[in-house]
Amino acid sequence: MKLEEILKVSEAELISGSLDDRDIICAFSSDLMSDVLTVEVDDAILITGLTNIQAIRTAEMADISCILFVRDKEITPNMIRLAEESNILIMKSRHAMFTVCGNLFNKGLKAVY
């Protein structure tokens, strides 16, 4: 699924980074960053409601290049700065994680597990 379609389906706004032609093959949703570190796939998106600097650092360690924050959480300037330094695209949706995941799944995005 293209980033532009993910943005549209989740009714999200682009916070940092630029939409490109990469294909996102699967999604992983969690607020537990220790679970995110178990992900060993390429071209995945992280969907989380945990809006702190650790979410960005964890995505970087797990080689995840796109994060979709849910529940309309505030994203701090420090998070944006670190994401830009790490080439991690950030999106934000006002919807709950359950809704976002369900909508993306219904459009064909697969789960990691």
C-alpha atoms as a PDB file:
ATOM      1  CA  MET A   1       0.000   0.000   0.000  1.00  0.00           C
ATOM      2  CA  LYS A   2       1.363   3.424  -0.881  1.00  0.00           C
ATOM      3  CA  LEU A   3       1.894   6.028   1.826  1.00  0.00           C
ATOM      4  CA  GLU A   4      -0.603   8.360   0.186  1.00  0.00           C
ATOM      5  CA  GLU A   5      -3.315   5.696   0.452  1.00  0.00           C
ATOM      6  CA  ILE A   6      -2.450   5.028   4.105  1.00  0.00           C
ATOM      7  CA  LEU A   7      -2.765   8.751   4.761  1.00  0.00           C
ATOM      8  CA  LYS A   8      -6.165   8.857   3.066  1.00  0.00           C
ATOM      9  CA  VAL A   9      -7.613   5.671   4.595  1.00  0.00           C
ATOM     10  CA  SER A  10      -6.563   6.641   8.131  1.00  0.00           C
ATOM     11  CA  GLU A  11      -7.680  10.256   7.618  1.00  0.00           C
ATOM     12  CA  ALA A  12      -4.261  11.297   8.847  1.00  0.00           C
ATOM     13  CA  GLU A  13      -2.151  14.370   8.370  1.00  0.00           C
ATOM     14  CA  LEU A  14       1.479  14.320   7.367  1.00  0.00           C
ATOM     15  CA  ILE A  15       3.575  15.769  10.196  1.00  0.00           C
ATOM     16  CA  SER A  16       7.126  15.154   9.016  1.00  0.00           C
ATOM     17  CA  GLY A  17       8.796  13.698   5.966  1.00  0.00           C
ATOM     18  CA  SER A  18       7.520  13.452   2.430  1.00  0.00           C
ATOM     19  CA  LEU A  19       5.283  10.971   0.697  1.00  0.00           C
ATOM     20  CA  ASP A  20       7.182   8.859  -1.780  1.00  0.00           C
ATOM     21  CA  ASP A  21       6.457   5.802  -3.909  1.00  0.00           C
ATOM     22  CA  ARG A  22       7.510   3.161  -1.421  1.00  0.00           C
ATOM     23  CA  ASP A  23       5.162   0.283  -0.791  1.00  0.00           C
ATOM     24  CA  ILE A  24       4.248  -0.468   2.789  1.00  0.00           C
ATOM     25  CA  ILE A  25       3.713  -4.211   2.913  1.00  0.00           C
ATOM     26  CA  CYS A  26       2.483  -4.666   6.473  1.00  0.00           C
ATOM     27  CA  ALA A  27       1.621  -2.876   9.689  1.00  0.00           C
ATOM     28  CA  PHE A  28       2.418  -3.408  13.332  1.00  0.00           C
ATOM     29  CA  SER A  29       0.385  -1.683  16.027  1.00  0.00           C
ATOM     30  CA  SER A  30       1.515  -1.420  19.607  1.00  0.00           C
ATOM     31  CA  ASP A  31       2.056   0.959  22.477  1.00  0.00           C
ATOM     32  CA  LEU A  32       4.675  -1.389  23.923  1.00  0.00           C
ATOM     33  CA  MET A  33       7.977  -0.474  22.345  1.00  0.00           C
ATOM     34  CA  SER A  34       9.558  -3.717  23.565  1.00  0.00           C
ATOM     35  CA  ASP A  35       7.108  -5.550  21.275  1.00  0.00           C
ATOM     36  CA  VAL A  36       8.084  -3.323  18.354  1.00  0.00           C
ATOM     37  CA  LEU A  37      11.697  -4.437  18.742  1.00  0.00           C
ATOM     38  CA  THR A  38      10.623  -7.999  17.874  1.00  0.00           C
ATOM     39  CA  VAL A  39       9.502  -6.940  14.375  1.00  0.00           C
ATOM     40  CA  GLU A  40      11.855  -8.259  11.705  1.00  0.00           C
ATOM     41  CA  VAL A  41      10.229  -7.196   8.432  1.00  0.00           C
ATOM     42  CA  ASP A  42      11.018  -4.627   5.801  1.00  0.00           C
ATOM     43  CA  ASP A  43       8.596  -1.978   4.584  1.00  0.00           C
ATOM     44  CA  ALA A  44       6.370  -1.927   7.669  1.00  0.00           C
ATOM     45  CA  ILE A  45       4.527   0.936   9.313  1.00  0.00           C
ATOM     46  CA  LEU A  46       4.263   1.333  13.083  1.00  0.00           C
ATOM     47  CA  ILE A  47       0.847   2.385  14.375  1.00  0.00           C
ATOM     48  CA  THR A  48       0.979   3.626  17.958  1.00  0.00           C
ATOM     49  CA  GLY A  49      -0.550   5.978  20.473  1.00  0.00           C
ATOM     50  CA  LEU A  50       2.692   6.333  22.398  1.00  0.00           C
ATOM     51  CA  THR A  51       3.874   9.828  21.604  1.00  0.00           C
ATOM     52  CA  ASN A  52       7.279  10.261  23.105  1.00  0.00           C
ATOM     53  CA  ILE A  53      10.850  10.246  21.903  1.00  0.00           C
ATOM     54  CA  GLN A  54      11.159   6.507  22.628  1.00  0.00           C
ATOM     55  CA  ALA A  55       8.689   5.703  19.849  1.00  0.00           C
ATOM     56  CA  ILE A  56      10.997   7.389  17.343  1.00  0.00           C
ATOM     57  CA  ARG A  57      14.129   5.752  18.756  1.00  0.00           C
ATOM     58  CA  THR A  58      12.449   2.334  18.748  1.00  0.00           C
ATOM     59  CA  ALA A  59      11.315   2.704  15.141  1.00  0.00           C
ATOM     60  CA  GLU A  60      14.872   3.643  14.211  1.00  0.00           C
ATOM     61  CA  MET A  61      16.275   0.550  15.956  1.00  0.00           C
ATOM     62  CA  ALA A  62      13.658  -1.686  14.286  1.00  0.00           C
ATOM     63  CA  ASP A  63      14.341  -0.178  10.826  1.00  0.00           C
ATOM     64  CA  ILE A  64      10.779   1.136  10.572  1.00  0.00           C
ATOM     65  CA  SER A  65      10.667   4.217   8.372  1.00  0.00           C
ATOM     66  CA  CYS A  66       7.071   5.313   8.972  1.00  0.00           C
ATOM     67  CA  ILE A  67       5.041   5.909  12.130  1.00  0.00           C
ATOM     68  CA  LEU A  68       1.329   6.626  12.276  1.00  0.00           C
ATOM     69  CA  PHE A  69       0.330   8.100  15.632  1.00  0.00           C
ATOM     70  CA  VAL A  70      -3.305   7.651  16.626  1.00  0.00           C
ATOM     71  CA  ARG A  71      -5.822   9.169  19.036  1.00  0.00           C
ATOM     72  CA  ASP A  72      -4.842  12.707  17.970  1.00  0.00           C
ATOM     73  CA  LYS A  73      -1.901  12.725  20.349  1.00  0.00           C
ATOM     74  CA  GLU A  74       0.456  15.695  20.430  1.00  0.00           C
ATOM     75  CA  ILE A  75       3.757  15.223  18.638  1.00  0.00           C
ATOM     76  CA  THR A  76       6.535  17.324  20.125  1.00  0.00           C
ATOM     77  CA  PRO A  77       9.141  19.343  18.226  1.00  0.00           C
ATOM     78  CA  ASN A  78      11.853  17.048  19.663  1.00  0.00           C
ATOM     79  CA  MET A  79      10.079  14.021  18.194  1.00  0.00           C
ATOM     80  CA  ILE A  80       9.834  15.717  14.800  1.00  0.00           C
ATOM     81  CA  ARG A  81      13.494  16.722  14.888  1.00  0.00           C
ATOM     82  CA  LEU A  82      14.658  13.188  15.729  1.00  0.00           C
ATOM     83  CA  ALA A  83      12.361  11.678  13.088  1.00  0.00           C
ATOM     84  CA  GLU A  84      13.788  14.005  10.453  1.00  0.00           C
ATOM     85  CA  GLU A  85      17.344  13.153  11.491  1.00  0.00           C
ATOM     86  CA  SER A  86      16.458   9.451  11.267  1.00  0.00           C
ATOM     87  CA  ASN A  87      14.512   9.720   7.983  1.00  0.00           C
ATOM     88  CA  ILE A  88      11.325   8.498   9.641  1.00  0.00           C
ATOM     89  CA  LEU A  89       8.064   9.753   8.203  1.00  0.00           C
ATOM     90  CA  ILE A  90       5.428  10.763  10.782  1.00  0.00           C
ATOM     91  CA  MET A  91       1.665  10.858  10.313  1.00  0.00           C
ATOM     92  CA  LYS A  92      -1.088  11.549  12.840  1.00  0.00           C
ATOM     93  CA  SER A  93      -4.727  10.417  12.868  1.00  0.00           C
ATOM     94  CA  ARG A  94      -7.513  11.512  15.187  1.00  0.00           C
ATOM     95  CA  HIS A  95      -8.988   8.001  15.161  1.00  0.00           C
ATOM     96  CA  ALA A  96      -8.426   5.212  17.681  1.00  0.00           C
ATOM     97  CA  MET A  97      -5.844   2.541  16.946  1.00  0.00           C
ATOM     98  CA  PHE A  98      -8.564  -0.094  16.531  1.00  0.00           C
ATOM     99  CA  THR A  99     -10.331   1.983  13.872  1.00  0.00           C
ATOM    100  CA  VAL A 100      -7.171   2.848  11.958  1.00  0.00           C
ATOM    101  CA  CYS A 101      -5.941  -0.752  11.951  1.00  0.00           C
ATOM    102  CA  GLY A 102      -9.341  -2.082  10.893  1.00  0.00           C
ATOM    103  CA  ASN A 103      -9.657   0.405   8.043  1.00  0.00           C
ATOM    104  CA  LEU A 104      -6.142  -0.304   6.754  1.00  0.00           C
ATOM    105  CA  PHE A 105      -6.682  -4.059   7.036  1.00  0.00           C
ATOM    106  CA  ASN A 106      -9.945  -3.790   5.103  1.00  0.00           C
ATOM    107  CA  LYS A 107      -8.043  -1.986   2.322  1.00  0.00           C
ATOM    108  CA  GLY A 108      -5.528  -4.817   2.065  1.00  0.00           C
ATOM    109  CA  LEU A 109      -2.673  -3.885   4.384  1.00  0.00           C
ATOM    110  CA  LYS A 110      -1.431  -7.056   6.095  1.00  0.00           C
ATOM    111  CA  ALA A 111      -0.428  -7.571   9.709  1.00  0.00           C
ATOM    112  CA  VAL A 112       3.161  -8.408  10.646  1.00  0.00           C
ATOM    113  CA  TYR A 113       2.030 -11.517  12.554  1.00  0.00           C
END
